[in-house]
Amino acid sequence: MGVGECWPCFDDFYLESQALRLGARIVVEGLKGARTRRLNGFSGVVSLHPNEGHPTFIRKPSAPDRPQLTVCVSFDDPDAAGERSVLLEPRFLLPYDEAVEAVSKDLSSTLAALHLSQQAPVD
C-alpha cells in the first residue's frame, strides 16, 4: 500500500501569456505583506531556481494540499532589494514593458496637469 502526492500536470496548463518565461523582464507589484511590500517597484528577470528549476510549486502552511505556482525572480539591483532573488506568485509580477508604459502615462498626465495649472489665470 502506498500513499502519493498529487501535483499539477503540465498538460493541464494553457498559454495565456509569455510573461513568466525564463529571461522575461518583470516588475514586482502588489505585495502587501510587512516583509515583502518593500520589493514593490523592483525590476528583475524570471530565472531558473537553483534547486527547483522553473516553474516552481510550493506548499503554503495554510493550504498544504494545494501546490502554489511560483517563479524565481533575480533582481536587477540586489543590493537595493536586499535579496538576490525571490520566489513570487505570478499575480505579483507585471511585464516590464507594461510597467514602463504605465509610468509613462502617469508622467504624461502629471505634465499635462502642470502645464494646465501654469496657464490658469491668477486672480
Protein backbone atom coordinates (compact mmCIF):
# COMPACT_ATOMS: atom_id res chain seq x y z
CA MET A 1 0.00 0.00 0.00
CA GLY A 2 1.36 3.41 -0.89
CA VAL A 3 0.36 6.99 -0.43
CA GLY A 4 1.34 9.55 -3.06
CA GLU A 5 1.17 13.22 -3.76
CA CYS A 6 -0.85 14.85 -6.49
CA TRP A 7 0.92 17.61 -8.40
CA PRO A 8 -0.31 19.53 -11.41
CA CYS A 9 0.49 18.01 -14.78
CA PHE A 10 1.94 20.38 -17.36
CA ASP A 11 -0.75 19.19 -19.79
CA ASP A 12 -3.29 20.92 -17.52
CA PHE A 13 -1.88 24.36 -18.45
CA TYR A 14 -2.65 26.54 -21.46
CA LEU A 15 -0.70 29.51 -22.81
CA GLU A 16 -2.23 32.77 -21.65
CA SER A 17 0.89 34.92 -21.55
CA GLN A 18 4.63 34.64 -22.09
CA ALA A 19 5.39 36.96 -19.17
CA LEU A 20 6.72 34.13 -17.00
CA ARG A 21 9.19 32.64 -19.47
CA LEU A 22 12.82 32.32 -18.43
CA GLY A 23 14.60 35.59 -19.16
CA ALA A 24 11.40 37.67 -19.24
CA ARG A 25 11.84 41.12 -17.70
CA ILE A 26 9.30 41.92 -14.97
CA VAL A 27 8.45 44.45 -12.26
CA VAL A 28 7.19 43.41 -8.83
CA GLU A 29 3.83 44.96 -7.95
CA GLY A 30 1.05 44.40 -5.43
CA LEU A 31 2.89 42.87 -2.48
CA LYS A 32 1.22 43.91 0.78
CA GLY A 33 2.94 41.85 3.46
CA ALA A 34 5.05 43.62 6.07
CA ARG A 35 8.20 41.76 4.99
CA THR A 36 7.60 41.85 1.23
CA ARG A 37 5.98 45.16 0.28
CA ARG A 38 9.43 46.78 0.14
CA LEU A 39 10.04 44.78 -3.05
CA ASN A 40 7.28 46.59 -4.97
CA GLY A 41 8.72 48.54 -7.88
CA PHE A 42 11.88 46.49 -8.23
CA SER A 43 12.63 45.04 -11.65
CA GLY A 44 14.24 41.74 -12.46
CA VAL A 45 14.34 38.71 -14.70
CA VAL A 46 12.46 35.42 -14.44
CA SER A 47 15.21 32.91 -13.76
CA LEU A 48 15.85 29.26 -13.05
CA HIS A 49 15.65 28.40 -9.35
CA PRO A 50 18.93 26.69 -8.40
CA ASN A 51 17.26 23.69 -6.73
CA GLU A 52 13.70 23.56 -8.07
CA GLY A 53 14.02 24.62 -11.72
CA HIS A 54 11.28 26.58 -13.48
CA PRO A 55 8.46 26.96 -12.71
CA THR A 56 8.29 26.01 -9.06
CA PHE A 57 5.43 24.77 -6.93
CA ILE A 58 5.46 25.47 -3.21
CA ARG A 59 3.20 24.43 -0.39
CA LYS A 60 1.91 27.05 1.99
CA PRO A 61 1.23 26.02 5.58
CA SER A 62 -2.29 27.44 5.22
CA ALA A 63 -3.09 25.06 2.32
CA PRO A 64 -0.59 22.17 2.23
CA ASP A 65 -2.76 20.14 -0.16
CA ARG A 66 -2.82 22.89 -2.83
CA PRO A 67 0.53 23.48 -4.59
CA GLN A 68 1.09 27.16 -5.44
CA LEU A 69 2.72 28.16 -8.74
CA THR A 70 5.71 30.48 -8.24
CA VAL A 71 8.63 31.72 -10.31
CA CYS A 72 12.10 32.74 -9.28
CA VAL A 73 12.89 36.42 -9.89
CA SER A 74 16.51 37.61 -9.94
CA PHE A 75 16.60 41.32 -9.15
CA ASP A 76 18.44 43.84 -11.33
CA ASP A 77 19.69 45.64 -8.21
CA PRO A 78 20.02 43.00 -5.47
CA ASP A 79 21.73 45.43 -3.07
CA ALA A 80 18.76 47.83 -3.13
CA ALA A 81 16.23 44.96 -2.99
CA GLY A 82 18.09 43.36 -0.09
CA GLU A 83 17.93 39.97 -1.81
CA ARG A 84 19.48 38.44 -4.89
CA SER A 85 16.33 36.53 -5.84
CA VAL A 86 12.91 35.58 -4.52
CA LEU A 87 10.06 33.17 -5.34
CA LEU A 88 6.85 35.03 -6.18
CA GLU A 89 3.38 34.17 -7.36
CA PRO A 90 2.59 35.37 -10.90
CA ARG A 91 -0.11 37.76 -9.63
CA PHE A 92 2.66 39.95 -8.19
CA LEU A 93 4.58 40.25 -11.47
CA LEU A 94 3.98 42.77 -14.23
CA PRO A 95 5.71 42.53 -17.61
CA TYR A 96 8.41 45.21 -17.78
CA ASP A 97 7.04 46.86 -20.93
CA GLU A 98 3.59 47.21 -19.35
CA ALA A 99 5.12 48.76 -16.22
CA VAL A 100 7.13 51.26 -18.30
CA GLU A 101 4.03 52.15 -20.33
CA ALA A 102 2.02 52.77 -17.13
CA VAL A 103 4.75 55.00 -15.69
CA SER A 104 4.95 56.92 -18.99
CA LYS A 105 1.20 57.52 -19.00
CA ASP A 106 1.30 58.71 -15.38
CA LEU A 107 4.16 61.08 -16.17
CA SER A 108 2.36 62.39 -19.24
CA SER A 109 -0.80 63.05 -17.21
CA THR A 110 1.20 64.81 -14.49
CA LEU A 111 3.00 67.01 -17.03
CA ALA A 112 -0.31 67.88 -18.70
CA ALA A 113 -1.82 68.84 -15.32
CA LEU A 114 1.20 71.00 -14.51
CA HIS A 115 1.00 72.68 -17.88
CA LEU A 116 -2.70 73.47 -17.38
CA SER A 117 -2.12 74.85 -13.88
CA GLN A 118 0.57 77.19 -15.21
CA GLN A 119 -1.83 78.56 -17.83
CA ALA A 120 -4.67 79.19 -15.38
CA PRO A 121 -5.36 82.91 -14.82
CA VAL A 122 -4.26 84.24 -11.45
CA ASP A 123 -6.75 86.45 -9.57
